[in-house]
N, C-alpha and C. Protein backbone atom coordinates (compact mmCIF):
# COMPACT_ATOMS: atom_id res chain seq x y z
N MET A 1 29.75 -75.44 46.87
CA MET A 1 29.09 -76.60 47.48
C MET A 1 28.71 -77.62 46.40
N ARG A 2 29.05 -78.86 46.66
CA ARG A 2 28.70 -79.92 45.72
C ARG A 2 27.31 -80.46 46.05
N TYR A 3 26.54 -80.73 45.02
CA TYR A 3 25.23 -81.32 45.20
C TYR A 3 25.22 -82.71 44.59
N SER A 4 24.34 -83.56 45.12
CA SER A 4 24.21 -84.90 44.57
C SER A 4 23.66 -84.81 43.14
N SER A 5 23.85 -85.88 42.38
CA SER A 5 23.46 -85.87 40.98
C SER A 5 21.96 -85.68 40.80
N ASN A 6 21.17 -86.05 41.81
CA ASN A 6 19.72 -85.92 41.68
C ASN A 6 19.18 -84.70 42.43
N HIS A 7 20.07 -83.79 42.84
CA HIS A 7 19.64 -82.61 43.61
C HIS A 7 18.65 -81.76 42.81
N LYS A 8 18.94 -81.53 41.54
CA LYS A 8 18.05 -80.69 40.74
C LYS A 8 16.67 -81.31 40.62
N ALA A 9 16.63 -82.62 40.39
CA ALA A 9 15.34 -83.31 40.27
C ALA A 9 14.57 -83.24 41.58
N GLU A 10 15.27 -83.40 42.71
CA GLU A 10 14.62 -83.33 44.01
C GLU A 10 14.08 -81.93 44.28
N THR A 11 14.85 -80.92 43.90
CA THR A 11 14.40 -79.53 44.10
C THR A 11 13.17 -79.25 43.24
N ARG A 12 13.19 -79.71 42.02
CA ARG A 12 12.04 -79.53 41.13
C ARG A 12 10.78 -80.15 41.76
N GLN A 13 10.92 -81.36 42.32
CA GLN A 13 9.77 -82.02 42.93
C GLN A 13 9.28 -81.27 44.18
N ARG A 14 10.21 -80.68 44.92
CA ARG A 14 9.82 -79.87 46.07
C ARG A 14 9.00 -78.66 45.63
N ILE A 15 9.43 -78.03 44.55
CA ILE A 15 8.70 -76.87 44.03
C ILE A 15 7.31 -77.29 43.56
N ILE A 16 7.23 -78.39 42.85
CA ILE A 16 5.94 -78.88 42.35
C ILE A 16 5.01 -79.21 43.52
N GLY A 17 5.54 -79.88 44.53
CA GLY A 17 4.72 -80.27 45.67
C GLY A 17 4.15 -79.06 46.41
N GLU A 18 4.99 -78.07 46.66
CA GLU A 18 4.54 -76.87 47.36
C GLU A 18 3.58 -76.07 46.49
N ALA A 19 3.87 -75.97 45.20
CA ALA A 19 2.99 -75.24 44.29
C ALA A 19 1.64 -75.92 44.18
N ALA A 20 1.63 -77.25 44.13
CA ALA A 20 0.36 -77.97 44.04
C ALA A 20 -0.53 -77.67 45.23
N ARG A 21 0.06 -77.59 46.42
CA ARG A 21 -0.71 -77.24 47.62
C ARG A 21 -1.22 -75.81 47.55
N ARG A 22 -0.35 -74.89 47.15
CA ARG A 22 -0.74 -73.48 47.12
C ARG A 22 -1.75 -73.17 46.03
N PHE A 23 -1.60 -73.77 44.86
CA PHE A 23 -2.58 -73.55 43.80
C PHE A 23 -3.96 -74.05 44.21
N ARG A 24 -4.01 -75.20 44.88
CA ARG A 24 -5.30 -75.75 45.31
C ARG A 24 -5.92 -74.91 46.42
N LYS A 25 -5.08 -74.31 47.25
CA LYS A 25 -5.60 -73.53 48.38
C LYS A 25 -5.91 -72.09 48.00
N HIS A 26 -5.02 -71.47 47.20
CA HIS A 26 -5.14 -70.04 46.92
C HIS A 26 -5.48 -69.72 45.47
N GLY A 27 -5.46 -70.73 44.60
CA GLY A 27 -5.67 -70.47 43.19
C GLY A 27 -4.38 -70.11 42.48
N ILE A 28 -4.45 -70.04 41.15
CA ILE A 28 -3.26 -69.74 40.36
C ILE A 28 -2.84 -68.29 40.53
N GLU A 29 -3.80 -67.39 40.38
CA GLU A 29 -3.47 -65.96 40.48
C GLU A 29 -3.11 -65.58 41.90
N GLY A 30 -3.62 -66.31 42.87
CA GLY A 30 -3.34 -66.00 44.27
C GLY A 30 -2.02 -66.57 44.77
N THR A 31 -1.30 -67.27 43.91
CA THR A 31 -0.03 -67.88 44.28
C THR A 31 1.11 -67.18 43.55
N GLY A 32 1.93 -66.46 44.29
CA GLY A 32 3.07 -65.76 43.69
C GLY A 32 4.32 -66.63 43.71
N LEU A 33 5.17 -66.44 42.72
CA LEU A 33 6.39 -67.23 42.65
C LEU A 33 7.40 -66.85 43.73
N VAL A 34 7.45 -65.56 44.08
CA VAL A 34 8.43 -65.13 45.09
C VAL A 34 8.14 -65.76 46.45
N PRO A 35 6.89 -65.65 46.98
CA PRO A 35 6.63 -66.31 48.27
C PRO A 35 6.72 -67.82 48.19
N LEU A 36 6.37 -68.39 47.05
CA LEU A 36 6.49 -69.85 46.88
C LEU A 36 7.94 -70.28 47.05
N MET A 37 8.84 -69.64 46.34
CA MET A 37 10.25 -70.03 46.40
C MET A 37 10.85 -69.71 47.77
N LYS A 38 10.43 -68.58 48.35
CA LYS A 38 10.94 -68.21 49.68
C LYS A 38 10.56 -69.25 50.72
N ALA A 39 9.33 -69.79 50.61
CA ALA A 39 8.88 -70.81 51.56
C ALA A 39 9.73 -72.06 51.49
N LEU A 40 10.36 -72.28 50.34
CA LEU A 40 11.21 -73.45 50.15
C LEU A 40 12.68 -73.15 50.40
N GLY A 41 12.98 -71.90 50.79
CA GLY A 41 14.36 -71.51 51.01
C GLY A 41 15.14 -71.35 49.72
N LEU A 42 14.43 -71.00 48.64
CA LEU A 42 15.05 -70.85 47.33
C LEU A 42 14.83 -69.43 46.82
N THR A 43 15.60 -69.06 45.81
CA THR A 43 15.48 -67.71 45.25
C THR A 43 14.51 -67.70 44.08
N HIS A 44 13.93 -66.53 43.85
CA HIS A 44 13.02 -66.37 42.72
C HIS A 44 13.74 -66.65 41.41
N GLY A 45 14.97 -66.15 41.29
CA GLY A 45 15.74 -66.39 40.08
C GLY A 45 16.00 -67.87 39.83
N GLY A 46 16.14 -68.63 40.92
CA GLY A 46 16.38 -70.06 40.78
C GLY A 46 15.21 -70.82 40.20
N PHE A 47 14.03 -70.21 40.24
CA PHE A 47 12.84 -70.87 39.68
C PHE A 47 13.06 -71.24 38.23
N TYR A 48 13.70 -70.36 37.48
CA TYR A 48 13.83 -70.54 36.03
C TYR A 48 14.89 -71.58 35.65
N ALA A 49 15.58 -72.11 36.64
CA ALA A 49 16.46 -73.25 36.37
C ALA A 49 15.64 -74.53 36.27
N HIS A 50 14.37 -74.46 36.70
CA HIS A 50 13.53 -75.66 36.73
C HIS A 50 12.30 -75.57 35.81
N PHE A 51 11.81 -74.34 35.58
CA PHE A 51 10.59 -74.17 34.78
C PHE A 51 10.75 -72.96 33.86
N GLU A 52 10.19 -73.08 32.66
CA GLU A 52 10.27 -71.98 31.71
C GLU A 52 9.38 -70.82 32.13
N SER A 53 8.27 -71.14 32.81
CA SER A 53 7.30 -70.10 33.14
C SER A 53 6.40 -70.60 34.26
N LYS A 54 5.58 -69.71 34.80
CA LYS A 54 4.59 -70.09 35.79
C LYS A 54 3.59 -71.06 35.19
N ASP A 55 3.23 -70.86 33.93
CA ASP A 55 2.29 -71.76 33.28
C ASP A 55 2.81 -73.19 33.25
N ALA A 56 4.11 -73.35 33.04
CA ALA A 56 4.71 -74.69 33.04
C ALA A 56 4.61 -75.31 34.43
N LEU A 57 4.78 -74.50 35.46
CA LEU A 57 4.64 -74.99 36.83
C LEU A 57 3.19 -75.36 37.12
N VAL A 58 2.25 -74.56 36.63
CA VAL A 58 0.83 -74.88 36.82
C VAL A 58 0.52 -76.25 36.24
N GLN A 59 1.01 -76.52 35.04
CA GLN A 59 0.76 -77.81 34.40
C GLN A 59 1.36 -78.96 35.21
N ALA A 60 2.61 -78.81 35.62
CA ALA A 60 3.27 -79.87 36.39
C ALA A 60 2.57 -80.09 37.73
N SER A 61 2.12 -79.00 38.35
CA SER A 61 1.46 -79.10 39.65
C SER A 61 0.08 -79.72 39.52
N LEU A 62 -0.63 -79.40 38.44
CA LEU A 62 -1.93 -80.01 38.21
C LEU A 62 -1.80 -81.51 38.00
N GLU A 63 -0.76 -81.92 37.29
CA GLU A 63 -0.51 -83.35 37.09
C GLU A 63 -0.26 -84.04 38.44
N ALA A 64 0.53 -83.40 39.30
CA ALA A 64 0.82 -83.98 40.61
C ALA A 64 -0.43 -84.06 41.47
N ALA A 65 -1.23 -83.00 41.46
CA ALA A 65 -2.46 -82.98 42.26
C ALA A 65 -3.46 -84.01 41.74
N ALA A 66 -3.55 -84.15 40.42
CA ALA A 66 -4.45 -85.14 39.84
C ALA A 66 -4.03 -86.55 40.25
N GLU A 67 -2.73 -86.82 40.20
CA GLU A 67 -2.23 -88.14 40.59
C GLU A 67 -2.54 -88.42 42.06
N GLN A 68 -2.35 -87.44 42.93
CA GLN A 68 -2.64 -87.62 44.35
C GLN A 68 -4.13 -87.90 44.58
N THR A 69 -4.98 -87.17 43.86
CA THR A 69 -6.42 -87.34 44.03
C THR A 69 -6.86 -88.72 43.58
N LEU A 70 -6.38 -89.15 42.44
CA LEU A 70 -6.77 -90.47 41.92
C LEU A 70 -6.24 -91.59 42.82
N GLU A 71 -5.04 -91.41 43.37
CA GLU A 71 -4.51 -92.40 44.32
C GLU A 71 -5.40 -92.46 45.56
N ARG A 72 -5.88 -91.31 45.99
CA ARG A 72 -6.76 -91.26 47.15
C ARG A 72 -8.08 -91.98 46.87
N TRP A 73 -8.62 -91.77 45.69
CA TRP A 73 -9.84 -92.48 45.31
C TRP A 73 -9.62 -93.98 45.31
N GLN A 74 -8.50 -94.40 44.75
CA GLN A 74 -8.19 -95.83 44.71
C GLN A 74 -8.03 -96.40 46.12
N ALA A 75 -7.42 -95.61 47.01
CA ALA A 75 -7.26 -96.05 48.41
C ALA A 75 -8.61 -96.16 49.09
N SER A 76 -9.52 -95.22 48.81
CA SER A 76 -10.86 -95.26 49.41
C SER A 76 -11.62 -96.49 48.97
N THR A 77 -11.54 -96.82 47.68
CA THR A 77 -12.27 -97.99 47.19
C THR A 77 -11.66 -99.27 47.73
N ALA A 78 -10.32 -99.30 47.85
CA ALA A 78 -9.66 -100.50 48.36
C ALA A 78 -9.96 -100.73 49.84
N ALA A 79 -10.14 -99.62 50.58
CA ALA A 79 -10.35 -99.73 52.03
C ALA A 79 -11.81 -99.98 52.39
N ALA A 80 -12.73 -99.83 51.42
CA ALA A 80 -14.14 -100.02 51.73
C ALA A 80 -14.40 -101.45 52.15
N PRO A 81 -14.98 -101.68 53.32
CA PRO A 81 -15.21 -103.04 53.80
C PRO A 81 -16.25 -103.77 52.96
N ALA A 82 -15.94 -104.99 52.59
CA ALA A 82 -16.87 -105.77 51.77
C ALA A 82 -18.13 -106.12 52.53
N ASP A 83 -18.03 -106.21 53.85
CA ASP A 83 -19.19 -106.62 54.65
C ASP A 83 -19.74 -105.45 55.46
N ALA A 84 -19.59 -104.22 54.92
CA ALA A 84 -20.05 -103.04 55.65
C ALA A 84 -21.56 -103.07 55.83
N MET A 85 -22.03 -102.33 56.85
CA MET A 85 -23.45 -102.18 57.07
C MET A 85 -24.03 -101.35 55.93
N LEU A 86 -24.93 -101.92 55.15
CA LEU A 86 -25.45 -101.26 53.96
C LEU A 86 -26.89 -100.82 54.18
N THR A 87 -27.23 -99.67 53.58
CA THR A 87 -28.61 -99.22 53.60
C THR A 87 -29.34 -99.84 52.43
N PRO A 88 -30.68 -99.79 52.42
CA PRO A 88 -31.41 -100.34 51.27
C PRO A 88 -31.01 -99.68 49.96
N ALA A 89 -30.58 -98.41 50.01
CA ALA A 89 -30.20 -97.70 48.79
C ALA A 89 -28.76 -97.99 48.37
N THR A 90 -28.03 -98.72 49.21
CA THR A 90 -26.64 -99.02 48.90
C THR A 90 -26.43 -100.53 48.90
N PRO A 91 -26.68 -101.18 47.76
CA PRO A 91 -26.57 -102.63 47.69
C PRO A 91 -25.14 -103.09 47.91
N ALA A 92 -25.00 -104.36 48.30
CA ALA A 92 -23.68 -104.96 48.45
C ALA A 92 -22.92 -104.81 47.15
N GLY A 93 -21.65 -104.43 47.22
CA GLY A 93 -20.85 -104.22 46.04
C GLY A 93 -20.72 -102.75 45.67
N ASP A 94 -21.56 -101.89 46.24
CA ASP A 94 -21.49 -100.47 45.94
C ASP A 94 -20.80 -99.67 47.06
N GLU A 95 -20.29 -100.35 48.08
CA GLU A 95 -19.59 -99.66 49.16
C GLU A 95 -18.37 -98.86 48.67
N PRO A 96 -17.60 -99.35 47.67
CA PRO A 96 -16.45 -98.55 47.23
C PRO A 96 -16.84 -97.16 46.75
N VAL A 97 -17.89 -97.03 45.94
CA VAL A 97 -18.27 -95.70 45.46
C VAL A 97 -18.84 -94.87 46.61
N ARG A 98 -19.50 -95.51 47.55
CA ARG A 98 -20.00 -94.79 48.72
C ARG A 98 -18.82 -94.21 49.49
N ALA A 99 -17.73 -94.97 49.60
CA ALA A 99 -16.55 -94.50 50.32
C ALA A 99 -15.93 -93.29 49.62
N VAL A 100 -15.88 -93.31 48.30
CA VAL A 100 -15.33 -92.19 47.54
C VAL A 100 -16.18 -90.95 47.74
N ILE A 101 -17.50 -91.10 47.62
CA ILE A 101 -18.41 -89.95 47.78
C ILE A 101 -18.29 -89.37 49.19
N ASP A 102 -18.32 -90.23 50.19
CA ASP A 102 -18.27 -89.75 51.58
C ASP A 102 -16.95 -89.05 51.88
N ASP A 103 -15.84 -89.55 51.34
CA ASP A 103 -14.56 -88.92 51.57
C ASP A 103 -14.49 -87.57 50.84
N TYR A 104 -14.97 -87.53 49.61
CA TYR A 104 -14.91 -86.30 48.82
C TYR A 104 -15.78 -85.21 49.44
N LEU A 105 -16.98 -85.59 49.86
CA LEU A 105 -17.93 -84.62 50.41
C LEU A 105 -17.87 -84.61 51.93
N SER A 106 -16.65 -84.57 52.46
CA SER A 106 -16.45 -84.58 53.90
C SER A 106 -16.01 -83.20 54.38
N ALA A 107 -16.20 -82.94 55.68
CA ALA A 107 -15.75 -81.69 56.26
C ALA A 107 -14.23 -81.57 56.16
N ARG A 108 -13.52 -82.68 56.31
CA ARG A 108 -12.06 -82.65 56.23
C ARG A 108 -11.61 -82.20 54.84
N HIS A 109 -12.21 -82.74 53.78
CA HIS A 109 -11.83 -82.35 52.42
C HIS A 109 -12.17 -80.88 52.18
N ARG A 110 -13.33 -80.46 52.66
CA ARG A 110 -13.71 -79.05 52.54
C ARG A 110 -12.69 -78.13 53.21
N ASP A 111 -12.23 -78.52 54.38
CA ASP A 111 -11.39 -77.66 55.21
C ASP A 111 -9.90 -77.74 54.86
N GLU A 112 -9.51 -78.67 53.99
CA GLU A 112 -8.11 -78.82 53.62
C GLU A 112 -7.94 -78.78 52.10
N PRO A 113 -8.27 -77.65 51.47
CA PRO A 113 -8.20 -77.60 50.01
C PRO A 113 -6.80 -77.84 49.46
N GLY A 114 -5.79 -77.47 50.21
CA GLY A 114 -4.42 -77.65 49.74
C GLY A 114 -4.02 -79.09 49.57
N GLU A 115 -4.75 -80.00 50.20
CA GLU A 115 -4.43 -81.43 50.13
C GLU A 115 -5.46 -82.21 49.30
N GLY A 116 -6.44 -81.51 48.73
CA GLY A 116 -7.55 -82.22 48.11
C GLY A 116 -7.56 -82.17 46.60
N CYS A 117 -8.74 -82.42 46.05
CA CYS A 117 -8.94 -82.42 44.61
C CYS A 117 -8.72 -81.02 44.05
N PRO A 118 -8.01 -80.89 42.93
CA PRO A 118 -7.76 -79.56 42.38
C PRO A 118 -8.94 -78.96 41.63
N LEU A 119 -9.92 -79.76 41.26
CA LEU A 119 -11.00 -79.27 40.40
C LEU A 119 -11.82 -78.14 41.02
N PRO A 120 -12.24 -78.22 42.29
CA PRO A 120 -13.06 -77.14 42.84
C PRO A 120 -12.37 -75.77 42.82
N THR A 121 -11.07 -75.76 42.98
CA THR A 121 -10.34 -74.49 43.00
C THR A 121 -9.91 -74.06 41.60
N LEU A 122 -9.43 -75.01 40.79
CA LEU A 122 -8.73 -74.65 39.56
C LEU A 122 -9.54 -74.75 38.29
N ALA A 123 -10.63 -75.52 38.26
CA ALA A 123 -11.34 -75.73 37.00
C ALA A 123 -11.82 -74.42 36.40
N ALA A 124 -12.50 -73.59 37.19
CA ALA A 124 -13.01 -72.32 36.67
C ALA A 124 -11.87 -71.39 36.29
N GLU A 125 -10.81 -71.38 37.08
CA GLU A 125 -9.70 -70.46 36.81
C GLU A 125 -8.98 -70.84 35.52
N LEU A 126 -8.81 -72.12 35.27
CA LEU A 126 -8.19 -72.55 34.02
C LEU A 126 -9.04 -72.12 32.83
N GLY A 127 -10.36 -72.21 32.98
CA GLY A 127 -11.26 -71.79 31.91
C GLY A 127 -11.18 -70.29 31.66
N VAL A 128 -11.18 -69.52 32.74
CA VAL A 128 -11.12 -68.06 32.62
C VAL A 128 -9.79 -67.64 31.99
N ARG A 129 -8.72 -68.35 32.33
CA ARG A 129 -7.40 -68.03 31.76
C ARG A 129 -7.28 -68.48 30.31
N GLY A 130 -8.28 -69.21 29.82
CA GLY A 130 -8.20 -69.73 28.46
C GLY A 130 -7.16 -70.81 28.32
N GLN A 131 -6.96 -71.58 29.40
CA GLN A 131 -5.94 -72.62 29.40
C GLN A 131 -6.52 -73.97 29.83
N PRO A 132 -7.50 -74.48 29.08
CA PRO A 132 -8.00 -75.82 29.41
C PRO A 132 -6.84 -76.80 29.38
N SER A 133 -6.96 -77.84 30.20
CA SER A 133 -5.81 -78.73 30.42
C SER A 133 -6.13 -80.17 30.03
N ALA A 134 -5.21 -80.77 29.27
CA ALA A 134 -5.34 -82.18 28.94
C ALA A 134 -5.25 -83.04 30.20
N THR A 135 -4.52 -82.55 31.20
CA THR A 135 -4.44 -83.27 32.47
C THR A 135 -5.81 -83.31 33.13
N ALA A 136 -6.52 -82.19 33.11
CA ALA A 136 -7.88 -82.16 33.65
C ALA A 136 -8.78 -83.09 32.87
N ASP A 137 -8.61 -83.13 31.55
CA ASP A 137 -9.40 -84.04 30.72
C ASP A 137 -9.23 -85.49 31.20
N ALA A 138 -7.97 -85.90 31.36
CA ALA A 138 -7.68 -87.27 31.75
C ALA A 138 -8.19 -87.57 33.16
N MET A 139 -8.04 -86.60 34.06
CA MET A 139 -8.49 -86.78 35.43
C MET A 139 -10.00 -86.95 35.48
N ILE A 140 -10.72 -86.10 34.78
CA ILE A 140 -12.19 -86.18 34.75
C ILE A 140 -12.63 -87.50 34.13
N GLU A 141 -11.95 -87.92 33.08
CA GLU A 141 -12.31 -89.18 32.42
C GLU A 141 -12.16 -90.36 33.38
N GLN A 142 -11.06 -90.38 34.14
CA GLN A 142 -10.85 -91.49 35.07
C GLN A 142 -11.84 -91.45 36.23
N MET A 143 -12.14 -90.25 36.73
CA MET A 143 -13.09 -90.13 37.83
C MET A 143 -14.49 -90.56 37.39
N THR A 144 -14.93 -90.09 36.22
CA THR A 144 -16.27 -90.44 35.77
C THR A 144 -16.38 -91.92 35.47
N ALA A 145 -15.29 -92.52 34.98
CA ALA A 145 -15.32 -93.96 34.72
C ALA A 145 -15.49 -94.74 36.02
N LEU A 146 -14.80 -94.31 37.07
CA LEU A 146 -14.94 -95.00 38.35
C LEU A 146 -16.37 -94.88 38.88
N LEU A 147 -16.94 -93.71 38.80
CA LEU A 147 -18.29 -93.49 39.30
C LEU A 147 -19.31 -94.24 38.45
N ALA A 148 -19.12 -94.23 37.14
CA ALA A 148 -20.06 -94.93 36.25
C ALA A 148 -20.00 -96.43 36.48
N ASP A 149 -18.80 -96.96 36.67
CA ASP A 149 -18.65 -98.39 36.90
C ASP A 149 -19.35 -98.84 38.18
N CYS A 150 -19.52 -97.91 39.10
CA CYS A 150 -20.18 -98.24 40.35
C CYS A 150 -21.67 -97.94 40.32
N HIS A 151 -22.21 -97.77 39.11
CA HIS A 151 -23.66 -97.72 38.90
C HIS A 151 -24.33 -96.47 39.47
N LEU A 152 -23.64 -95.35 39.40
CA LEU A 152 -24.31 -94.08 39.68
C LEU A 152 -24.88 -93.60 38.36
N GLU A 153 -26.18 -93.62 38.21
CA GLU A 153 -26.79 -93.36 36.92
C GLU A 153 -27.83 -92.24 37.01
N ALA A 154 -27.67 -91.23 36.16
CA ALA A 154 -28.68 -90.19 36.01
C ALA A 154 -29.41 -90.38 34.69
N GLY A 155 -28.86 -91.16 33.83
CA GLY A 155 -29.41 -91.43 32.51
C GLY A 155 -28.41 -92.31 31.79
N PRO A 156 -28.76 -92.84 30.64
CA PRO A 156 -27.85 -93.74 29.93
C PRO A 156 -26.49 -93.10 29.68
N GLY A 157 -25.46 -93.65 30.32
CA GLY A 157 -24.10 -93.18 30.10
C GLY A 157 -23.74 -91.87 30.78
N ASP A 158 -24.66 -91.27 31.52
CA ASP A 158 -24.42 -89.93 32.08
C ASP A 158 -24.05 -89.96 33.56
N GLY A 159 -24.20 -91.10 34.22
CA GLY A 159 -24.08 -91.13 35.67
C GLY A 159 -22.77 -90.62 36.22
N GLY A 160 -21.66 -91.00 35.61
CA GLY A 160 -20.36 -90.61 36.14
C GLY A 160 -20.13 -89.12 36.10
N ILE A 161 -20.42 -88.49 34.98
CA ILE A 161 -20.15 -87.06 34.87
C ILE A 161 -21.13 -86.24 35.71
N VAL A 162 -22.38 -86.71 35.81
CA VAL A 162 -23.35 -86.00 36.66
C VAL A 162 -22.92 -86.08 38.12
N ALA A 163 -22.49 -87.27 38.55
CA ALA A 163 -22.04 -87.43 39.94
C ALA A 163 -20.82 -86.57 40.22
N LEU A 164 -19.84 -86.57 39.31
CA LEU A 164 -18.63 -85.78 39.53
C LEU A 164 -18.95 -84.29 39.56
N ALA A 165 -19.79 -83.84 38.63
CA ALA A 165 -20.16 -82.42 38.61
C ALA A 165 -20.86 -82.02 39.91
N ALA A 166 -21.72 -82.89 40.40
CA ALA A 166 -22.42 -82.61 41.66
C ALA A 166 -21.44 -82.54 42.82
N MET A 167 -20.46 -83.44 42.85
CA MET A 167 -19.49 -83.47 43.94
C MET A 167 -18.59 -82.23 43.92
N VAL A 168 -18.08 -81.88 42.74
CA VAL A 168 -17.21 -80.71 42.62
C VAL A 168 -18.00 -79.45 42.95
N GLY A 169 -19.22 -79.35 42.44
CA GLY A 169 -20.05 -78.18 42.72
C GLY A 169 -20.39 -78.06 44.19
N ALA A 170 -20.72 -79.17 44.81
CA ALA A 170 -21.07 -79.14 46.23
C ALA A 170 -19.88 -78.69 47.08
N LEU A 171 -18.70 -79.22 46.77
CA LEU A 171 -17.52 -78.84 47.54
C LEU A 171 -17.19 -77.36 47.34
N THR A 172 -17.35 -76.88 46.13
CA THR A 172 -17.10 -75.46 45.84
C THR A 172 -18.05 -74.57 46.63
N LEU A 173 -19.33 -74.91 46.63
CA LEU A 173 -20.32 -74.12 47.37
C LEU A 173 -20.08 -74.21 48.87
N ALA A 174 -19.76 -75.41 49.34
CA ALA A 174 -19.55 -75.60 50.78
C ALA A 174 -18.38 -74.76 51.28
N ARG A 175 -17.39 -74.55 50.44
CA ARG A 175 -16.25 -73.73 50.83
C ARG A 175 -16.55 -72.24 50.74
N ALA A 176 -17.56 -71.89 49.94
CA ALA A 176 -17.84 -70.48 49.67
C ALA A 176 -18.73 -69.83 50.71
N VAL A 177 -19.63 -70.61 51.36
CA VAL A 177 -20.58 -70.01 52.28
C VAL A 177 -19.93 -69.78 53.64
N SER A 178 -20.38 -68.75 54.34
CA SER A 178 -19.79 -68.41 55.63
C SER A 178 -20.41 -69.18 56.78
N ASP A 179 -21.64 -69.64 56.61
CA ASP A 179 -22.36 -70.34 57.67
C ASP A 179 -21.95 -71.81 57.68
N ARG A 180 -21.35 -72.24 58.79
CA ARG A 180 -20.84 -73.61 58.87
C ARG A 180 -21.97 -74.64 58.75
N ALA A 181 -23.10 -74.36 59.38
CA ALA A 181 -24.22 -75.29 59.30
C ALA A 181 -24.73 -75.41 57.87
N ALA A 182 -24.78 -74.29 57.16
CA ALA A 182 -25.21 -74.33 55.76
C ALA A 182 -24.21 -75.11 54.92
N SER A 183 -22.93 -74.92 55.21
CA SER A 183 -21.88 -75.64 54.49
C SER A 183 -22.00 -77.14 54.71
N ASP A 184 -22.17 -77.54 55.97
CA ASP A 184 -22.36 -78.95 56.28
C ASP A 184 -23.60 -79.50 55.58
N GLY A 185 -24.66 -78.67 55.53
CA GLY A 185 -25.90 -79.09 54.90
C GLY A 185 -25.75 -79.34 53.41
N ILE A 186 -24.95 -78.53 52.73
CA ILE A 186 -24.70 -78.74 51.31
C ILE A 186 -24.03 -80.09 51.08
N LEU A 187 -23.00 -80.36 51.86
CA LEU A 187 -22.29 -81.64 51.72
C LEU A 187 -23.21 -82.81 52.00
N ALA A 188 -24.00 -82.70 53.06
CA ALA A 188 -24.89 -83.80 53.44
C ALA A 188 -25.96 -84.03 52.38
N ALA A 189 -26.51 -82.95 51.83
CA ALA A 189 -27.59 -83.08 50.84
C ALA A 189 -27.10 -83.79 49.58
N VAL A 190 -25.91 -83.44 49.13
CA VAL A 190 -25.40 -84.06 47.90
C VAL A 190 -24.93 -85.48 48.17
N ARG A 191 -24.36 -85.74 49.35
CA ARG A 191 -24.02 -87.12 49.70
C ARG A 191 -25.27 -88.00 49.64
N ALA A 192 -26.38 -87.50 50.18
CA ALA A 192 -27.62 -88.27 50.21
C ALA A 192 -28.18 -88.46 48.81
N ALA A 193 -28.02 -87.44 47.95
CA ALA A 193 -28.58 -87.51 46.60
C ALA A 193 -27.83 -88.48 45.71
N LEU A 194 -26.53 -88.64 45.97
CA LEU A 194 -25.71 -89.50 45.10
C LEU A 194 -25.72 -90.94 45.61
N GLN A 195 -26.83 -91.58 45.41
CA GLN A 195 -26.96 -92.98 45.80
C GLN A 195 -26.74 -93.87 44.58
N PRO A 196 -26.01 -94.95 44.75
CA PRO A 196 -25.86 -95.90 43.64
C PRO A 196 -27.22 -96.41 43.19
N ALA A 197 -27.41 -96.49 41.88
CA ALA A 197 -28.67 -97.00 41.35
C ALA A 197 -28.77 -98.49 41.60
N PRO A 198 -29.99 -99.03 41.78
CA PRO A 198 -30.16 -100.46 41.98
C PRO A 198 -29.58 -101.26 40.82
N ARG A 199 -28.93 -102.33 41.13
CA ARG A 199 -28.38 -103.22 40.11
C ARG A 199 -29.47 -104.13 39.58
N GLU A 200 -29.33 -104.48 38.32
CA GLU A 200 -30.27 -105.43 37.74
C GLU A 200 -30.02 -106.82 38.32
N ALA A 201 -31.09 -107.55 38.53
CA ALA A 201 -30.95 -108.89 39.09
C ALA A 201 -30.32 -109.81 38.09
């Protein structure tokens, strides 16, 4: 059978896309290569035509998941209405960060880990494996910059990382508890706590 010249590249992207979903949903150790390839109609042996190892796939999948998450954040900020109904704690101009927080700490994001941010599932596992990632570094840097630029402040220069840590932690806890009401309460409490700081006149 003849394949198009870009068949290998397309197959590689299919593997990355499916792996990115499975790693976010089941974790690295919980994702086997055999069931991954079988789900795509491919053989386990064929995996090595595209990647040297599972670790190489983890890196490529983390990059893809990071790109998807940052694109989602950008879409949330772009879609935030400029004339939205604002609370006293949310001054005009801070709606974009409010949109990001509300989307991140939503029931939908909690319930669809395979389509969401990779940090709640993978950050601890990468640390335990002794494989910190430059991709995670870049992703965290971009996320904290967006949050800091929108005036979420816990102290001089600390607002972005504090907000991101609170969001990732809240989502992790919300997914871990069995009581749905408690899970919803965690998300709601952190959404309420992460209010943009008042802007200077």
